[in-house]
Amino acid sequence: MRLVLSLILAALTVQPAKAGSAVASDGNGHLSISFGHSKEVDKRSALELGRRLHGTNVRPMPTVRSESGPYHHPITARSRAA
């Protein structure tokens, strides 16, 4: 009986993690990140940090959801000078 009660209590207390991440850039290579909160909170925090450190021209970077976890990774592309 104790085992059943323990399993029921454990099942009720387990909640899915809703952690996110966000990356903001000023276009000059300066990045600001935030992670571990909801997506909206992380986006706002990354933008506030970026604007405080790097000026007002900070924008959120597009991200792709990771297959291995709840975090998002920025989409980056390298360009080659011809």
PDB file of N, CA and C in Angstrom:
ATOM      1  N   MET A   1       0.812  -1.192   0.000  1.00  0.00           N
ATOM      2  CA  MET A   1       0.000   0.000   0.000  1.00  0.00           C
ATOM      3  C   MET A   1       0.862   1.267   0.000  1.00  0.00           C
ATOM      4  N   ARG A   2       1.938   1.242   0.777  1.00  0.00           N
ATOM      5  CA  ARG A   2       2.833   2.396   0.805  1.00  0.00           C
ATOM      6  C   ARG A   2       3.482   2.635  -0.555  1.00  0.00           C
ATOM      7  N   LEU A   3       3.839   1.549  -1.203  1.00  0.00           N
ATOM      8  CA  LEU A   3       4.466   1.678  -2.514  1.00  0.00           C
ATOM      9  C   LEU A   3       3.511   2.331  -3.510  1.00  0.00           C
ATOM     10  N   VAL A   4       2.273   1.912  -3.510  1.00  0.00           N
ATOM     11  CA  VAL A   4       1.285   2.481  -4.421  1.00  0.00           C
ATOM     12  C   VAL A   4       1.082   3.964  -4.121  1.00  0.00           C
ATOM     13  N   LEU A   5       0.972   4.310  -2.859  1.00  0.00           N
ATOM     14  CA  LEU A   5       0.803   5.703  -2.470  1.00  0.00           C
ATOM     15  C   LEU A   5       2.019   6.540  -2.868  1.00  0.00           C
ATOM     16  N   SER A   6       3.211   5.982  -2.682  1.00  0.00           N
ATOM     17  CA  SER A   6       4.438   6.684  -3.071  1.00  0.00           C
ATOM     18  C   SER A   6       4.495   6.910  -4.576  1.00  0.00           C
ATOM     19  N   LEU A   7       4.107   5.913  -5.345  1.00  0.00           N
ATOM     20  CA  LEU A   7       4.113   6.052  -6.799  1.00  0.00           C
ATOM     21  C   LEU A   7       3.091   7.086  -7.270  1.00  0.00           C
ATOM     22  N   ILE A   8       1.935   7.107  -6.635  1.00  0.00           N
ATOM     23  CA  ILE A   8       0.919   8.095  -7.007  1.00  0.00           C
ATOM     24  C   ILE A   8       1.401   9.500  -6.688  1.00  0.00           C
ATOM     25  N   LEU A   9       1.994   9.699  -5.517  1.00  0.00           N
ATOM     26  CA  LEU A   9       2.515  11.009  -5.150  1.00  0.00           C
ATOM     27  C   LEU A   9       3.652  11.437  -6.071  1.00  0.00           C
ATOM     28  N   ALA A  10       4.515  10.508  -6.425  1.00  0.00           N
ATOM     29  CA  ALA A  10       5.615  10.828  -7.339  1.00  0.00           C
ATOM     30  C   ALA A  10       5.082  11.223  -8.714  1.00  0.00           C
ATOM     31  N   ALA A  11       4.073  10.541  -9.200  1.00  0.00           N
ATOM     32  CA  ALA A  11       3.494  10.853 -10.505  1.00  0.00           C
ATOM     33  C   ALA A  11       2.823  12.224 -10.502  1.00  0.00           C
ATOM     34  N   LEU A  12       2.233  12.588  -9.386  1.00  0.00           N
ATOM     35  CA  LEU A  12       1.568  13.889  -9.294  1.00  0.00           C
ATOM     36  C   LEU A  12       2.556  15.045  -9.203  1.00  0.00           C
ATOM     37  N   THR A  13       3.726  14.801  -8.633  1.00  0.00           N
ATOM     38  CA  THR A  13       4.686  15.885  -8.454  1.00  0.00           C
ATOM     39  C   THR A  13       5.590  16.090  -9.649  1.00  0.00           C
ATOM     40  N   VAL A  14       5.706  15.114 -10.515  1.00  0.00           N
ATOM     41  CA  VAL A  14       6.556  15.252 -11.698  1.00  0.00           C
ATOM     42  C   VAL A  14       5.837  16.107 -12.718  1.00  0.00           C
ATOM     43  N   GLN A  15       6.485  17.186 -13.127  1.00  0.00           N
ATOM     44  CA  GLN A  15       5.922  18.077 -14.130  1.00  0.00           C
ATOM     45  C   GLN A  15       6.936  18.241 -15.251  1.00  0.00           C
ATOM     46  N   PRO A  16       6.476  18.401 -16.466  1.00  0.00           N
ATOM     47  CA  PRO A  16       7.424  18.577 -17.568  1.00  0.00           C
ATOM     48  C   PRO A  16       8.188  19.890 -17.424  1.00  0.00           C
ATOM     49  N   ALA A  17       9.451  19.862 -17.771  1.00  0.00           N
ATOM     50  CA  ALA A  17      10.276  21.068 -17.719  1.00  0.00           C
ATOM     51  C   ALA A  17       9.876  21.999 -18.861  1.00  0.00           C
ATOM     52  N   LYS A  18       9.733  23.264 -18.543  1.00  0.00           N
ATOM     53  CA  LYS A  18       9.373  24.239 -19.569  1.00  0.00           C
ATOM     54  C   LYS A  18      10.485  25.268 -19.702  1.00  0.00           C
ATOM     55  N   ALA A  19      11.698  24.789 -19.700  1.00  0.00           N
ATOM     56  CA  ALA A  19      12.846  25.694 -19.817  1.00  0.00           C
ATOM     57  C   ALA A  19      13.069  26.035 -21.282  1.00  0.00           C
ATOM     58  N   GLY A  20      13.476  27.236 -21.518  1.00  0.00           N
ATOM     59  CA  GLY A  20      13.757  27.686 -22.869  1.00  0.00           C
ATOM     60  C   GLY A  20      15.095  28.389 -22.913  1.00  0.00           C
ATOM     61  N   SER A  21      15.371  29.011 -24.014  1.00  0.00           N
ATOM     62  CA  SER A  21      16.583  29.808 -24.145  1.00  0.00           C
ATOM     63  C   SER A  21      16.359  30.817 -25.263  1.00  0.00           C
ATOM     64  N   ALA A  22      17.144  31.877 -25.232  1.00  0.00           N
ATOM     65  CA  ALA A  22      17.042  32.905 -26.267  1.00  0.00           C
ATOM     66  C   ALA A  22      18.418  33.519 -26.485  1.00  0.00           C
ATOM     67  N   VAL A  23      18.656  33.939 -27.725  1.00  0.00           N
ATOM     68  CA  VAL A  23      19.906  34.593 -28.088  1.00  0.00           C
ATOM     69  C   VAL A  23      19.553  35.881 -28.822  1.00  0.00           C
ATOM     70  N   ALA A  24      20.233  36.965 -28.448  1.00  0.00           N
ATOM     71  CA  ALA A  24      20.036  38.247 -29.128  1.00  0.00           C
ATOM     72  C   ALA A  24      21.388  38.718 -29.652  1.00  0.00           C
ATOM     73  N   SER A  25      21.381  39.426 -30.782  1.00  0.00           N
ATOM     74  CA  SER A  25      22.610  39.902 -31.410  1.00  0.00           C
ATOM     75  C   SER A  25      22.438  41.345 -31.846  1.00  0.00           C
ATOM     76  N   ASP A  26      23.547  42.095 -31.839  1.00  0.00           N
ATOM     77  CA  ASP A  26      23.496  43.471 -32.317  1.00  0.00           C
ATOM     78  C   ASP A  26      23.960  43.582 -33.770  1.00  0.00           C
ATOM     79  N   GLY A  27      24.265  42.470 -34.407  1.00  0.00           N
ATOM     80  CA  GLY A  27      24.703  42.479 -35.800  1.00  0.00           C
ATOM     81  C   GLY A  27      26.190  42.688 -35.966  1.00  0.00           C
ATOM     82  N   ASN A  28      26.906  42.962 -34.878  1.00  0.00           N
ATOM     83  CA  ASN A  28      28.350  43.163 -34.927  1.00  0.00           C
ATOM     84  C   ASN A  28      29.119  42.067 -34.205  1.00  0.00           C
ATOM     85  N   GLY A  29      28.466  40.943 -34.007  1.00  0.00           N
ATOM     86  CA  GLY A  29      29.128  39.812 -33.366  1.00  0.00           C
ATOM     87  C   GLY A  29      28.941  39.739 -31.858  1.00  0.00           C
ATOM     88  N   HIS A  30      28.243  40.696 -31.265  1.00  0.00           N
ATOM     89  CA  HIS A  30      27.982  40.655 -29.838  1.00  0.00           C
ATOM     90  C   HIS A  30      26.704  39.864 -29.588  1.00  0.00           C
ATOM     91  N   LEU A  31      26.795  38.842 -28.751  1.00  0.00           N
ATOM     92  CA  LEU A  31      25.646  37.999 -28.441  1.00  0.00           C
ATOM     93  C   LEU A  31      25.271  38.140 -26.978  1.00  0.00           C
ATOM     94  N   SER A  32      23.987  38.071 -26.691  1.00  0.00           N
ATOM     95  CA  SER A  32      23.471  38.046 -25.331  1.00  0.00           C
ATOM     96  C   SER A  32      22.568  36.829 -25.233  1.00  0.00           C
ATOM     97  N   ILE A  33      22.705  36.064 -24.157  1.00  0.00           N
ATOM     98  CA  ILE A  33      21.913  34.847 -24.008  1.00  0.00           C
ATOM     99  C   ILE A  33      21.166  34.850 -22.684  1.00  0.00           C
ATOM    100  N   SER A  34      20.099  34.095 -22.657  1.00  0.00           N
ATOM    101  CA  SER A  34      19.342  33.835 -21.439  1.00  0.00           C
ATOM    102  C   SER A  34      18.781  32.429 -21.566  1.00  0.00           C
ATOM    103  N   PHE A  35      18.756  31.691 -20.459  1.00  0.00           N
ATOM    104  CA  PHE A  35      18.235  30.326 -20.514  1.00  0.00           C
ATOM    105  C   PHE A  35      17.723  29.910 -19.149  1.00  0.00           C
ATOM    106  N   GLY A  36      16.887  28.866 -19.153  1.00  0.00           N
ATOM    107  CA  GLY A  36      16.401  28.274 -17.915  1.00  0.00           C
ATOM    108  C   GLY A  36      15.035  28.750 -17.466  1.00  0.00           C
ATOM    109  N   HIS A  37      14.438  29.677 -18.194  1.00  0.00           N
ATOM    110  CA  HIS A  37      13.109  30.174 -17.856  1.00  0.00           C
ATOM    111  C   HIS A  37      12.182  29.859 -19.017  1.00  0.00           C
ATOM    112  N   SER A  38      10.986  30.399 -18.995  1.00  0.00           N
ATOM    113  CA  SER A  38      10.099  30.211 -20.142  1.00  0.00           C
ATOM    114  C   SER A  38      10.667  30.962 -21.344  1.00  0.00           C
ATOM    115  N   LYS A  39      10.234  30.595 -22.526  1.00  0.00           N
ATOM    116  CA  LYS A  39      10.752  31.204 -23.755  1.00  0.00           C
ATOM    117  C   LYS A  39      10.551  32.725 -23.751  1.00  0.00           C
ATOM    118  N   GLU A  40       9.396  33.180 -23.299  1.00  0.00           N
ATOM    119  CA  GLU A  40       9.108  34.617 -23.299  1.00  0.00           C
ATOM    120  C   GLU A  40      10.030  35.371 -22.344  1.00  0.00           C
ATOM    121  N   VAL A  41      10.230  34.816 -21.153  1.00  0.00           N
ATOM    122  CA  VAL A  41      11.094  35.457 -20.157  1.00  0.00           C
ATOM    123  C   VAL A  41      12.537  35.489 -20.660  1.00  0.00           C
ATOM    124  N   ASP A  42      12.997  34.389 -21.251  1.00  0.00           N
ATOM    125  CA  ASP A  42      14.362  34.340 -21.772  1.00  0.00           C
ATOM    126  C   ASP A  42      14.557  35.335 -22.917  1.00  0.00           C
ATOM    127  N   LYS A  43      13.578  35.461 -23.787  1.00  0.00           N
ATOM    128  CA  LYS A  43      13.687  36.411 -24.904  1.00  0.00           C
ATOM    129  C   LYS A  43      13.792  37.838 -24.372  1.00  0.00           C
ATOM    130  N   ARG A  44      12.933  38.171 -23.425  1.00  0.00           N
ATOM    131  CA  ARG A  44      12.960  39.522 -22.851  1.00  0.00           C
ATOM    132  C   ARG A  44      14.279  39.781 -22.129  1.00  0.00           C
ATOM    133  N   SER A  45      14.771  38.795 -21.366  1.00  0.00           N
ATOM    134  CA  SER A  45      16.023  38.961 -20.625  1.00  0.00           C
ATOM    135  C   SER A  45      17.216  39.130 -21.554  1.00  0.00           C
ATOM    136  N   ALA A  46      17.265  38.336 -22.630  1.00  0.00           N
ATOM    137  CA  ALA A  46      18.373  38.441 -23.583  1.00  0.00           C
ATOM    138  C   ALA A  46      18.364  39.808 -24.266  1.00  0.00           C
ATOM    139  N   LEU A  47      17.186  40.297 -24.626  1.00  0.00           N
ATOM    140  CA  LEU A  47      17.094  41.608 -25.265  1.00  0.00           C
ATOM    141  C   LEU A  47      17.486  42.727 -24.301  1.00  0.00           C
ATOM    142  N   GLU A  48      17.020  42.652 -23.056  1.00  0.00           N
ATOM    143  CA  GLU A  48      17.372  43.680 -22.069  1.00  0.00           C
ATOM    144  C   GLU A  48      18.871  43.704 -21.809  1.00  0.00           C
ATOM    145  N   LEU A  49      19.470  42.532 -21.667  1.00  0.00           N
ATOM    146  CA  LEU A  49      20.909  42.450 -21.435  1.00  0.00           C
ATOM    147  C   LEU A  49      21.684  43.007 -22.629  1.00  0.00           C
ATOM    148  N   GLY A  50      21.289  42.603 -23.829  1.00  0.00           N
ATOM    149  CA  GLY A  50      21.964  43.079 -25.032  1.00  0.00           C
ATOM    150  C   GLY A  50      21.870  44.578 -25.197  1.00  0.00           C
ATOM    151  N   ARG A  51      20.708  45.132 -24.940  1.00  0.00           N
ATOM    152  CA  ARG A  51      20.533  46.580 -25.082  1.00  0.00           C
ATOM    153  C   ARG A  51      21.301  47.348 -24.016  1.00  0.00           C
ATOM    154  N   ARG A  52      21.402  46.767 -22.829  1.00  0.00           N
ATOM    155  CA  ARG A  52      22.165  47.423 -21.773  1.00  0.00           C
ATOM    156  C   ARG A  52      23.661  47.418 -22.081  1.00  0.00           C
ATOM    157  N   LEU A  53      24.159  46.320 -22.667  1.00  0.00           N
ATOM    158  CA  LEU A  53      25.599  46.187 -22.922  1.00  0.00           C
ATOM    159  C   LEU A  53      26.038  46.694 -24.289  1.00  0.00           C
ATOM    160  N   HIS A  54      25.177  46.562 -25.315  1.00  0.00           N
ATOM    161  CA  HIS A  54      25.609  46.795 -26.691  1.00  0.00           C
ATOM    162  C   HIS A  54      24.805  47.840 -27.450  1.00  0.00           C
ATOM    163  N   GLY A  55      23.895  48.540 -26.811  1.00  0.00           N
ATOM    164  CA  GLY A  55      23.127  49.579 -27.486  1.00  0.00           C
ATOM    165  C   GLY A  55      21.731  49.119 -27.877  1.00  0.00           C
ATOM    166  N   THR A  56      21.033  49.995 -28.560  1.00  0.00           N
ATOM    167  CA  THR A  56      19.618  49.743 -28.856  1.00  0.00           C
ATOM    168  C   THR A  56      19.374  48.896 -30.095  1.00  0.00           C
ATOM    169  N   ASN A  57      20.381  48.636 -30.897  1.00  0.00           N
ATOM    170  CA  ASN A  57      20.206  47.897 -32.144  1.00  0.00           C
ATOM    171  C   ASN A  57      20.372  46.394 -31.919  1.00  0.00           C
ATOM    172  N   VAL A  58      19.705  45.857 -30.924  1.00  0.00           N
ATOM    173  CA  VAL A  58      19.790  44.429 -30.594  1.00  0.00           C
ATOM    174  C   VAL A  58      18.481  43.769 -30.993  1.00  0.00           C
ATOM    175  N   ARG A  59      18.584  42.641 -31.687  1.00  0.00           N
ATOM    176  CA  ARG A  59      17.408  41.902 -32.152  1.00  0.00           C
ATOM    177  C   ARG A  59      17.531  40.438 -31.752  1.00  0.00           C
ATOM    178  N   PRO A  60      16.395  39.765 -31.519  1.00  0.00           N
ATOM    179  CA  PRO A  60      16.454  38.330 -31.222  1.00  0.00           C
ATOM    180  C   PRO A  60      16.891  37.551 -32.454  1.00  0.00           C
ATOM    181  N   MET A  61      17.672  36.503 -32.227  1.00  0.00           N
ATOM    182  CA  MET A  61      18.105  35.642 -33.329  1.00  0.00           C
ATOM    183  C   MET A  61      17.106  34.510 -33.507  1.00  0.00           C
ATOM    184  N   PRO A  62      16.852  34.083 -34.743  1.00  0.00           N
ATOM    185  CA  PRO A  62      15.993  32.912 -34.957  1.00  0.00           C
ATOM    186  C   PRO A  62      16.652  31.676 -34.367  1.00  0.00           C
ATOM    187  N   THR A  63      15.842  30.764 -33.836  1.00  0.00           N
ATOM    188  CA  THR A  63      16.378  29.564 -33.210  1.00  0.00           C
ATOM    189  C   THR A  63      15.688  28.323 -33.743  1.00  0.00           C
ATOM    190  N   VAL A  64      16.332  27.186 -33.519  1.00  0.00           N
ATOM    191  CA  VAL A  64      15.791  25.882 -33.888  1.00  0.00           C
ATOM    192  C   VAL A  64      15.738  25.034 -32.637  1.00  0.00           C
ATOM    193  N   ARG A  65      14.642  24.348 -32.416  1.00  0.00           N
ATOM    194  CA  ARG A  65      14.498  23.495 -31.239  1.00  0.00           C
ATOM    195  C   ARG A  65      15.413  22.287 -31.363  1.00  0.00           C
ATOM    196  N   SER A  66      16.097  21.970 -30.261  1.00  0.00           N
ATOM    197  CA  SER A  66      17.010  20.840 -30.230  1.00  0.00           C
ATOM    198  C   SER A  66      16.229  19.537 -30.127  1.00  0.00           C
ATOM    199  N   GLU A  67      16.693  18.509 -30.787  1.00  0.00           N
ATOM    200  CA  GLU A  67      16.072  17.193 -30.682  1.00  0.00           C
ATOM    201  C   GLU A  67      16.426  16.511 -29.359  1.00  0.00           C
ATOM    202  N   SER A  68      17.529  16.939 -28.739  1.00  0.00           N
ATOM    203  CA  SER A  68      17.999  16.253 -27.543  1.00  0.00           C
ATOM    204  C   SER A  68      17.542  16.901 -26.243  1.00  0.00           C
ATOM    205  N   GLY A  69      16.820  17.998 -26.312  1.00  0.00           N
ATOM    206  CA  GLY A  69      16.402  18.642 -25.075  1.00  0.00           C
ATOM    207  C   GLY A  69      15.478  19.809 -25.323  1.00  0.00           C
ATOM    208  N   PRO A  70      15.107  20.493 -24.253  1.00  0.00           N
ATOM    209  CA  PRO A  70      14.137  21.575 -24.372  1.00  0.00           C
ATOM    210  C   PRO A  70      14.735  22.896 -24.843  1.00  0.00           C
ATOM    211  N   TYR A  71      16.043  22.965 -25.029  1.00  0.00           N
ATOM    212  CA  TYR A  71      16.666  24.234 -25.367  1.00  0.00           C
ATOM    213  C   TYR A  71      16.653  24.483 -26.866  1.00  0.00           C
ATOM    214  N   HIS A  72      16.746  25.727 -27.242  1.00  0.00           N
ATOM    215  CA  HIS A  72      16.784  26.146 -28.633  1.00  0.00           C
ATOM    216  C   HIS A  72      18.194  26.612 -28.961  1.00  0.00           C
ATOM    217  N   HIS A  73      18.593  26.417 -30.193  1.00  0.00           N
ATOM    218  CA  HIS A  73      19.930  26.792 -30.633  1.00  0.00           C
ATOM    219  C   HIS A  73      19.811  27.839 -31.733  1.00  0.00           C
ATOM    220  N   PRO A  74      20.670  28.834 -31.716  1.00  0.00           N
ATOM    221  CA  PRO A  74      20.570  29.864 -32.755  1.00  0.00           C
ATOM    222  C   PRO A  74      20.909  29.318 -34.133  1.00  0.00           C
ATOM    223  N   ILE A  75      20.236  29.838 -35.135  1.00  0.00           N
ATOM    224  CA  ILE A  75      20.543  29.497 -36.525  1.00  0.00           C
ATOM    225  C   ILE A  75      21.664  30.417 -36.964  1.00  0.00           C
ATOM    226  N   THR A  76      22.760  29.838 -37.371  1.00  0.00           N
ATOM    227  CA  THR A  76      23.881  30.657 -37.831  1.00  0.00           C
ATOM    228  C   THR A  76      24.347  30.155 -39.185  1.00  0.00           C
ATOM    229  N   ALA A  77      24.875  31.042 -39.958  1.00  0.00           N
ATOM    230  CA  ALA A  77      25.432  30.683 -41.267  1.00  0.00           C
ATOM    231  C   ALA A  77      26.711  31.460 -41.463  1.00  0.00           C
ATOM    232  N   ARG A  78      27.704  30.797 -41.986  1.00  0.00           N
ATOM    233  CA  ARG A  78      28.962  31.453 -42.281  1.00  0.00           C
ATOM    234  C   ARG A  78      28.980  31.817 -43.753  1.00  0.00           C
ATOM    235  N   SER A  79      29.451  33.003 -44.024  1.00  0.00           N
ATOM    236  CA  SER A  79      29.546  33.414 -45.427  1.00  0.00           C
ATOM    237  C   SER A  79      31.014  33.402 -45.829  1.00  0.00           C
ATOM    238  N   ARG A  80      31.241  33.053 -47.069  1.00  0.00           N
ATOM    239  CA  ARG A  80      32.610  33.041 -47.595  1.00  0.00           C
ATOM    240  C   ARG A  80      32.823  34.240 -48.474  1.00  0.00           C
ATOM    241  N   ALA A  81      33.925  34.891 -48.265  1.00  0.00           N
ATOM    242  CA  ALA A  81      34.279  36.008 -49.141  1.00  0.00           C
ATOM    243  C   ALA A  81      34.898  35.439 -50.399  1.00  0.00           C
ATOM    244  N   ALA A  82      34.406  35.823 -51.549  1.00  0.00           N
ATOM    245  CA  ALA A  82      34.906  35.274 -52.811  1.00  0.00           C
ATOM    246  C   ALA A  82      36.124  36.030 -53.298  1.00  0.00           C
TER     247      ALA A  82
END
